[in-house]
Protein backbone atom coordinates (compact mmCIF):
# COMPACT_ATOMS: atom_id res chain seq x y z
CA UNK A 1 0.06 0.07 -0.01
CA UNK A 2 3.07 2.59 0.50
CA UNK A 3 4.32 2.00 -2.97
CA UNK A 4 2.17 4.26 -4.85
CA UNK A 5 3.28 7.01 -2.53
CA UNK A 6 7.04 6.19 -2.60
CA UNK A 7 6.92 6.36 -6.55
CA UNK A 8 4.89 10.11 -6.71
CA UNK A 9 7.44 11.49 -3.98
CA UNK A 10 10.22 10.52 -6.40
CA UNK A 11 8.41 11.21 -10.14
CA UNK A 12 7.83 14.86 -8.77
CA UNK A 13 11.56 15.34 -8.66
CA UNK A 14 12.19 13.58 -12.12
CA UNK A 15 9.27 15.84 -13.57
CA UNK A 16 10.49 19.36 -12.71
CA UNK A 17 13.64 19.69 -14.50
CA UNK A 18 11.68 18.43 -17.85
CA UNK A 19 9.87 21.59 -17.89
CA UNK A 20 13.29 23.56 -19.01
CA UNK A 21 12.17 21.75 -22.48
CA UNK A 22 8.86 21.16 -22.88
CA UNK A 23 5.60 22.80 -21.78
CA UNK A 24 3.12 21.70 -19.06
CA UNK A 25 0.34 20.55 -21.19
CA UNK A 26 3.29 18.23 -23.22
CA UNK A 27 4.84 16.76 -19.77
CA UNK A 28 1.09 15.95 -18.83
CA UNK A 29 0.22 14.25 -21.82
CA UNK A 30 3.27 12.16 -22.29
CA UNK A 31 2.82 11.12 -18.68
CA UNK A 32 -0.65 10.02 -18.95
CA UNK A 33 -0.70 8.23 -22.45
CA UNK A 34 1.73 5.76 -22.34
CA UNK A 35 1.05 4.77 -18.59
CA UNK A 36 -2.78 4.31 -19.75
CA UNK A 37 -1.33 2.11 -22.33
CA UNK A 38 0.56 0.18 -20.02
CA UNK A 39 -1.98 -0.19 -17.78
CA UNK A 40 -4.36 -1.43 -20.06
CA UNK A 41 -1.75 -3.88 -21.13
CA UNK A 42 -1.31 -5.46 -17.99
CA UNK A 43 -4.76 -5.80 -17.37
CA UNK A 44 -4.92 -7.57 -20.49
CA UNK A 45 -1.66 -10.05 -19.39
CA UNK A 46 -3.34 -10.39 -15.76
CA UNK A 47 -6.27 -11.95 -17.89
CA UNK A 48 -8.61 -9.02 -16.42
CA UNK A 49 -11.58 -7.59 -18.81
CA UNK A 50 -10.73 -4.43 -20.44
CA UNK A 51 -14.31 -3.96 -21.43
CA UNK A 52 -16.19 -1.66 -19.01
CA UNK A 53 -19.90 -1.58 -18.26
CA UNK A 54 -21.85 1.14 -19.98
CA UNK A 55 -23.51 2.19 -16.66
CA UNK A 56 -19.76 3.74 -15.81
CA UNK A 57 -19.05 5.17 -18.82
CA UNK A 58 -20.54 8.70 -17.89
CA UNK A 59 -18.61 8.53 -14.53
CA UNK A 60 -15.26 6.74 -16.27
CA UNK A 61 -15.47 9.84 -18.44
CA UNK A 62 -15.39 12.65 -15.58
CA UNK A 63 -12.91 10.20 -13.61
CA UNK A 64 -10.93 10.73 -16.92
CA UNK A 65 -11.73 14.87 -17.15
CA UNK A 66 -11.03 15.46 -13.18
CA UNK A 67 -8.11 13.28 -12.09
CA UNK A 68 -6.21 12.71 -15.41
CA UNK A 69 -6.37 15.84 -17.72
CA UNK A 70 -7.10 18.24 -14.84
CA UNK A 71 -5.12 16.76 -11.87
CA UNK A 72 -2.04 16.32 -14.42
CA UNK A 73 -2.52 19.73 -16.07
CA UNK A 74 -2.92 21.84 -12.81
CA UNK A 75 0.27 19.49 -11.50
CA UNK A 76 2.96 20.18 -14.43
CA UNK A 77 1.57 24.07 -14.74
CA UNK A 78 2.20 24.36 -10.84
CA UNK A 79 5.30 22.91 -11.09
CA UNK A 80 6.57 25.66 -13.27
CA UNK A 81 6.03 28.50 -10.21
CA UNK A 82 6.52 26.49 -7.09
CA UNK A 83 9.28 26.86 -5.02
CA UNK A 84 10.56 26.05 -1.40
CA UNK A 85 8.14 23.00 -0.97
CA UNK A 86 5.24 24.80 -0.68
CA UNK A 87 3.76 23.37 -3.52
CA UNK A 88 4.20 19.99 -2.39
CA UNK A 89 2.70 20.88 0.73
CA UNK A 90 -0.30 21.88 -0.71
CA UNK A 91 -0.60 18.77 -3.27
CA UNK A 92 -0.27 16.55 -0.03
CA UNK A 93 -2.96 18.19 1.78
CA UNK A 94 -5.82 16.47 -0.37
CA UNK A 95 -6.19 13.63 2.16
CA UNK A 96 -8.43 16.46 4.30
CA UNK A 97 -10.44 17.29 1.00
CA UNK A 98 -10.96 13.03 0.64
CA UNK A 99 -11.93 12.80 4.16
CA UNK A 100 -14.39 15.07 4.05
CA UNK A 101 -16.10 14.11 0.85
CA UNK A 102 -15.81 10.43 1.88
CA UNK A 103 -17.73 11.18 5.11
CA UNK A 104 -20.63 13.02 3.17
CA UNK A 105 -20.82 10.71 0.30
CA UNK A 106 -19.81 6.95 1.82
CA UNK A 107 -20.35 7.71 5.46
CA UNK A 108 -16.63 6.76 6.60
CA UNK A 109 -16.40 7.43 10.42
CA UNK A 110 -13.85 10.11 11.52
CA UNK A 111 -14.15 10.44 15.37
CA UNK A 112 -11.94 13.20 17.01
CA UNK A 113 -8.65 10.65 16.87
CA UNK A 114 -9.12 10.52 13.11
CA UNK A 115 -9.24 14.49 12.60
CA UNK A 116 -6.53 14.83 15.12
CA UNK A 117 -4.72 12.53 12.66
CA UNK A 118 -5.37 14.46 9.35
CA UNK A 119 -4.24 17.88 11.37
CA UNK A 120 -0.68 16.05 12.72
CA UNK A 121 -0.39 14.76 8.87
CA UNK A 122 -0.87 18.76 7.72
CA UNK A 123 1.57 19.75 10.46
CA UNK A 124 3.84 17.57 9.78
CA UNK A 125 4.62 17.95 5.67
CA UNK A 126 4.36 21.79 6.76
CA UNK A 127 7.48 20.97 8.63
CA UNK A 128 8.73 18.78 5.75
CA UNK A 129 8.25 21.27 2.83
CA UNK A 130 8.89 24.69 4.40
CA UNK A 131 11.85 26.18 5.58
CA UNK A 132 12.28 26.94 9.60
CA UNK A 133 12.62 30.83 8.73
CA UNK A 134 9.46 31.07 7.05
CA UNK A 135 7.68 28.98 9.36
CA UNK A 136 8.87 31.14 12.28
CA UNK A 137 7.92 34.36 10.32
CA UNK A 138 4.15 33.06 9.24
CA UNK A 139 3.97 32.22 13.06
CA UNK A 140 4.97 35.77 13.74
CA UNK A 141 3.52 37.57 11.48
CA UNK A 142 0.84 36.09 9.64
CA UNK A 143 0.33 34.72 6.17
CA UNK A 144 1.38 38.12 4.88
CA UNK A 145 4.97 36.94 5.28
CA UNK A 146 4.72 34.63 2.80
CA UNK A 147 4.34 37.23 -0.05
CA UNK A 148 2.02 37.98 -2.57
CA UNK A 149 4.00 36.30 -5.06
CA UNK A 150 3.76 32.84 -3.69
CA UNK A 151 -0.32 32.69 -3.46
CA UNK A 152 -0.28 33.99 -7.51
CA UNK A 153 1.73 31.69 -9.23
CA UNK A 154 2.57 27.79 -8.70
CA UNK A 155 0.96 27.53 -5.46
CA UNK A 156 -2.40 28.39 -6.25
CA UNK A 157 -2.53 25.49 -9.41
CA UNK A 158 -1.24 23.12 -6.60
CA UNK A 159 -3.73 23.60 -4.66
CA UNK A 160 -6.31 23.60 -7.43
CA UNK A 161 -4.74 20.21 -8.44
CA UNK A 162 -4.66 18.72 -4.91
CA UNK A 163 -8.71 19.58 -5.36
CA UNK A 164 -8.79 17.69 -8.44
CA UNK A 165 -7.35 14.57 -7.03
CA UNK A 166 -9.48 14.54 -3.83
CA UNK A 167 -12.57 14.77 -6.38
CA UNK A 168 -11.15 12.34 -8.54
CA UNK A 169 -10.25 9.58 -5.99
CA UNK A 170 -14.21 9.84 -4.52
CA UNK A 171 -15.43 9.49 -8.54
CA UNK A 172 -13.22 6.52 -8.90
CA UNK A 173 -15.79 4.69 -6.76
CA UNK A 174 -18.59 5.61 -8.55
CA UNK A 175 -16.53 4.62 -11.65
CA UNK A 176 -15.74 1.16 -10.31
CA UNK A 177 -19.20 -0.05 -9.31
CA UNK A 178 -19.55 -2.50 -12.43
CA UNK A 179 -16.54 -2.52 -14.26
CA UNK A 180 -12.47 -3.77 -13.37
CA UNK A 181 -10.97 -0.88 -11.38
CA UNK A 182 -7.46 -1.47 -13.21
CA UNK A 183 -9.45 -1.57 -16.78
CA UNK A 184 -10.84 2.01 -15.24
CA UNK A 185 -7.78 3.30 -14.22
CA UNK A 186 -5.97 2.78 -17.68
CA UNK A 187 -8.98 4.06 -19.37
CA UNK A 188 -9.14 6.92 -17.46
CA UNK A 189 -5.51 7.68 -17.99
CA UNK A 190 -5.85 7.25 -21.47
CA UNK A 191 -8.69 9.27 -22.37
CA UNK A 192 -7.38 12.06 -19.79
CA UNK A 193 -4.33 12.48 -21.89
CA UNK A 194 -5.94 13.50 -25.16
CA UNK A 195 -7.81 16.82 -24.10
CA UNK A 196 -4.11 17.25 -22.87
CA UNK A 197 -2.64 16.14 -26.18
CA UNK A 198 -4.84 18.55 -28.21
CA UNK A 199 -4.09 21.46 -26.13
CA UNK A 200 -0.65 21.07 -26.07
CA UNK A 201 -0.85 20.91 -30.28
CA UNK A 202 -3.16 23.91 -30.23
CA UNK A 203 -1.35 26.50 -28.00
CA UNK A 204 0.95 27.70 -30.27
CA UNK A 205 -1.77 29.15 -32.28
CA UNK A 206 -2.68 31.29 -29.50
CA UNK A 207 1.07 31.56 -27.78
CA UNK A 208 3.83 31.90 -30.50
CA UNK A 209 6.25 31.49 -26.75
CA UNK A 210 4.55 28.19 -26.37
CA UNK A 211 7.28 24.69 -26.96
CA UNK A 212 4.74 22.42 -28.71
CA UNK A 213 3.49 19.33 -28.16
CA UNK A 214 6.52 17.71 -28.73
CA UNK A 215 9.64 18.05 -26.40
CA UNK A 216 13.40 19.15 -27.02
CA UNK A 217 14.78 16.55 -24.24
CA UNK A 218 17.78 14.81 -23.87
CA UNK A 219 18.70 11.17 -23.19
CA UNK A 220 18.57 11.79 -19.70
CA UNK A 221 15.28 13.93 -19.78
CA UNK A 222 13.58 10.84 -21.63
CA UNK A 223 14.90 8.70 -19.29
CA UNK A 224 13.51 10.61 -16.43
CA UNK A 225 9.98 11.01 -18.38
CA UNK A 226 10.18 7.02 -18.55
CA UNK A 227 10.50 6.68 -15.02
CA UNK A 228 7.65 9.27 -14.47
CA UNK A 229 5.55 7.83 -16.67
CA UNK A 230 6.30 3.64 -15.96
CA UNK A 231 6.61 3.96 -12.34
CA UNK A 232 5.24 7.29 -11.05
CA UNK A 233 1.99 6.93 -13.29
CA UNK A 234 1.33 3.71 -14.69
CA UNK A 235 2.24 1.71 -11.90
CA UNK A 236 1.11 4.42 -9.01
CA UNK A 237 -2.13 4.75 -10.59
CA UNK A 238 -2.87 1.35 -10.85
CA UNK A 239 -2.13 0.34 -7.58
CA UNK A 240 -3.26 4.06 -5.75
CA UNK A 241 -7.12 3.25 -7.37
CA UNK A 242 -7.00 -0.55 -6.75
CA UNK A 243 -6.70 0.32 -2.99
CA UNK A 244 -8.93 2.93 -3.06
CA UNK A 245 -11.66 1.00 -4.26
CA UNK A 246 -11.19 -1.62 -1.56
CA UNK A 247 -11.23 -0.24 1.72
CA UNK A 248 -11.37 3.09 3.57
CA UNK A 249 -10.65 5.65 1.83
CA UNK A 250 -9.65 7.95 4.22
CA UNK A 251 -7.39 5.78 6.28
CA UNK A 252 -5.62 4.84 2.63
CA UNK A 253 -5.46 8.35 1.65
CA UNK A 254 -3.93 9.55 4.67
CA UNK A 255 -0.70 7.46 3.43
CA UNK A 256 -0.40 10.53 1.23
CA UNK A 257 1.25 12.18 4.17
CA UNK A 258 4.19 9.82 3.68
CA UNK A 259 4.78 11.30 0.17
CA UNK A 260 7.57 14.10 0.78
CA UNK A 261 8.80 11.54 3.69
CA UNK A 262 10.15 9.26 0.75
CA UNK A 263 11.46 12.00 -1.77
CA UNK A 264 13.29 13.33 0.83
CA UNK A 265 14.70 9.70 1.99
CA UNK A 266 15.23 9.35 -1.33
CA UNK A 267 17.47 12.41 -1.48
CA UNK A 268 19.23 11.31 1.49
CA UNK A 269 20.19 7.97 0.29
CA UNK A 270 20.70 8.82 -3.84
CA UNK A 271 22.08 12.69 -3.65
CA UNK A 272 23.77 12.56 -0.20
CA UNK A 273 21.28 15.62 1.02
CA UNK A 274 20.89 16.35 4.64
CA UNK A 275 17.53 16.43 6.46
CA UNK A 276 17.28 19.44 8.97
CA UNK A 277 16.12 18.51 12.43
CA UNK A 278 12.53 20.19 11.52
CA UNK A 279 12.64 18.12 8.67
CA UNK A 280 13.16 14.91 10.66
CA UNK A 281 10.35 16.28 13.06
CA UNK A 282 8.05 16.65 10.45
CA UNK A 283 8.43 12.97 9.23
CA UNK A 284 7.75 11.72 12.80
CA UNK A 285 4.50 13.64 12.55
CA UNK A 286 4.02 12.05 9.45
CA UNK A 287 3.98 8.82 10.58
CA UNK A 288 2.39 9.77 13.86
CA UNK A 289 -0.70 10.61 11.68
CA UNK A 290 -0.85 7.75 9.62
CA UNK A 291 -0.90 5.42 12.77
CA UNK A 292 -3.65 7.73 13.95
CA UNK A 293 -5.82 7.82 11.11
CA UNK A 294 -5.36 4.08 10.58
CA UNK A 295 -6.03 3.15 14.21
CA UNK A 296 -8.62 5.70 14.90
CA UNK A 297 -11.89 3.34 15.89
CA UNK A 298 -9.25 1.24 18.07
CA UNK A 299 -7.93 4.59 19.64
CA UNK A 300 -11.19 5.94 20.09
CA UNK A 301 -13.12 2.88 21.28
CA UNK A 302 -10.34 0.80 23.11
CA UNK A 303 -12.85 -1.74 24.48
CA UNK A 304 -13.89 -2.25 21.19
CA UNK A 305 -17.15 -0.28 21.67
CA UNK A 306 -19.08 1.43 18.84
CA UNK A 307 -21.25 4.30 19.63
């Protein structure tokens, strides 16, 4: 269950340098279209049916538009202007949105321990993603310490992406009511890439500075794209939505709080980066939040009582 979040944590780092030679829409469709083909090929290889029930197709189309087209387009656009980890903080806040939606639509129980876990997780990714000086200034001076620019570029795109992913996670349950979740995941990636491909191809018509639908990348860049596509999209999304349709949405999506933890640990292991004490504290908070959310029923009713 942890693998999708570990893959996403490293795929974000792989995607950022690719924007130097490609536009956001190009990066998004190149991540989705091959990933959709790979997921469908894997489903066929496993003997799963690629046919989706006609009763699900309207939901699948909405799922593709919201979770694939909107989320990936907003995410890639947000990467252009996001700095100092604030964008990652916002994108990883989506478990709060999923919890609210799951509580309203599916009746997922969120007792005080669960809400405490969600807030602890949010505090953890704040400590992971923001520098200590910014947190101290925000605490003493208020939100204006962040500055106007921080909330006028990449961060707003990332916040919109978090909302799109939260909505997509909930919609996935409706899209898989009568169809195989793996097949639905593949079709939603494939269909969701088409509006992004059309947008990338048409963008030069109204924006002469646009880079076009095909990127100017080196062999290393294509390797990074292959990783983001095969592992950060095909494998990660296939596992994510398979698990999301089999259990408690609030508990499962709380693992998103671990995404920046995996990204930072990857930097330590592969790039010899050093974590600040505040980041170690944030990683500990993220782990505590996952335990609180996944064990909220037992902790709130230690004797097994259910109110």
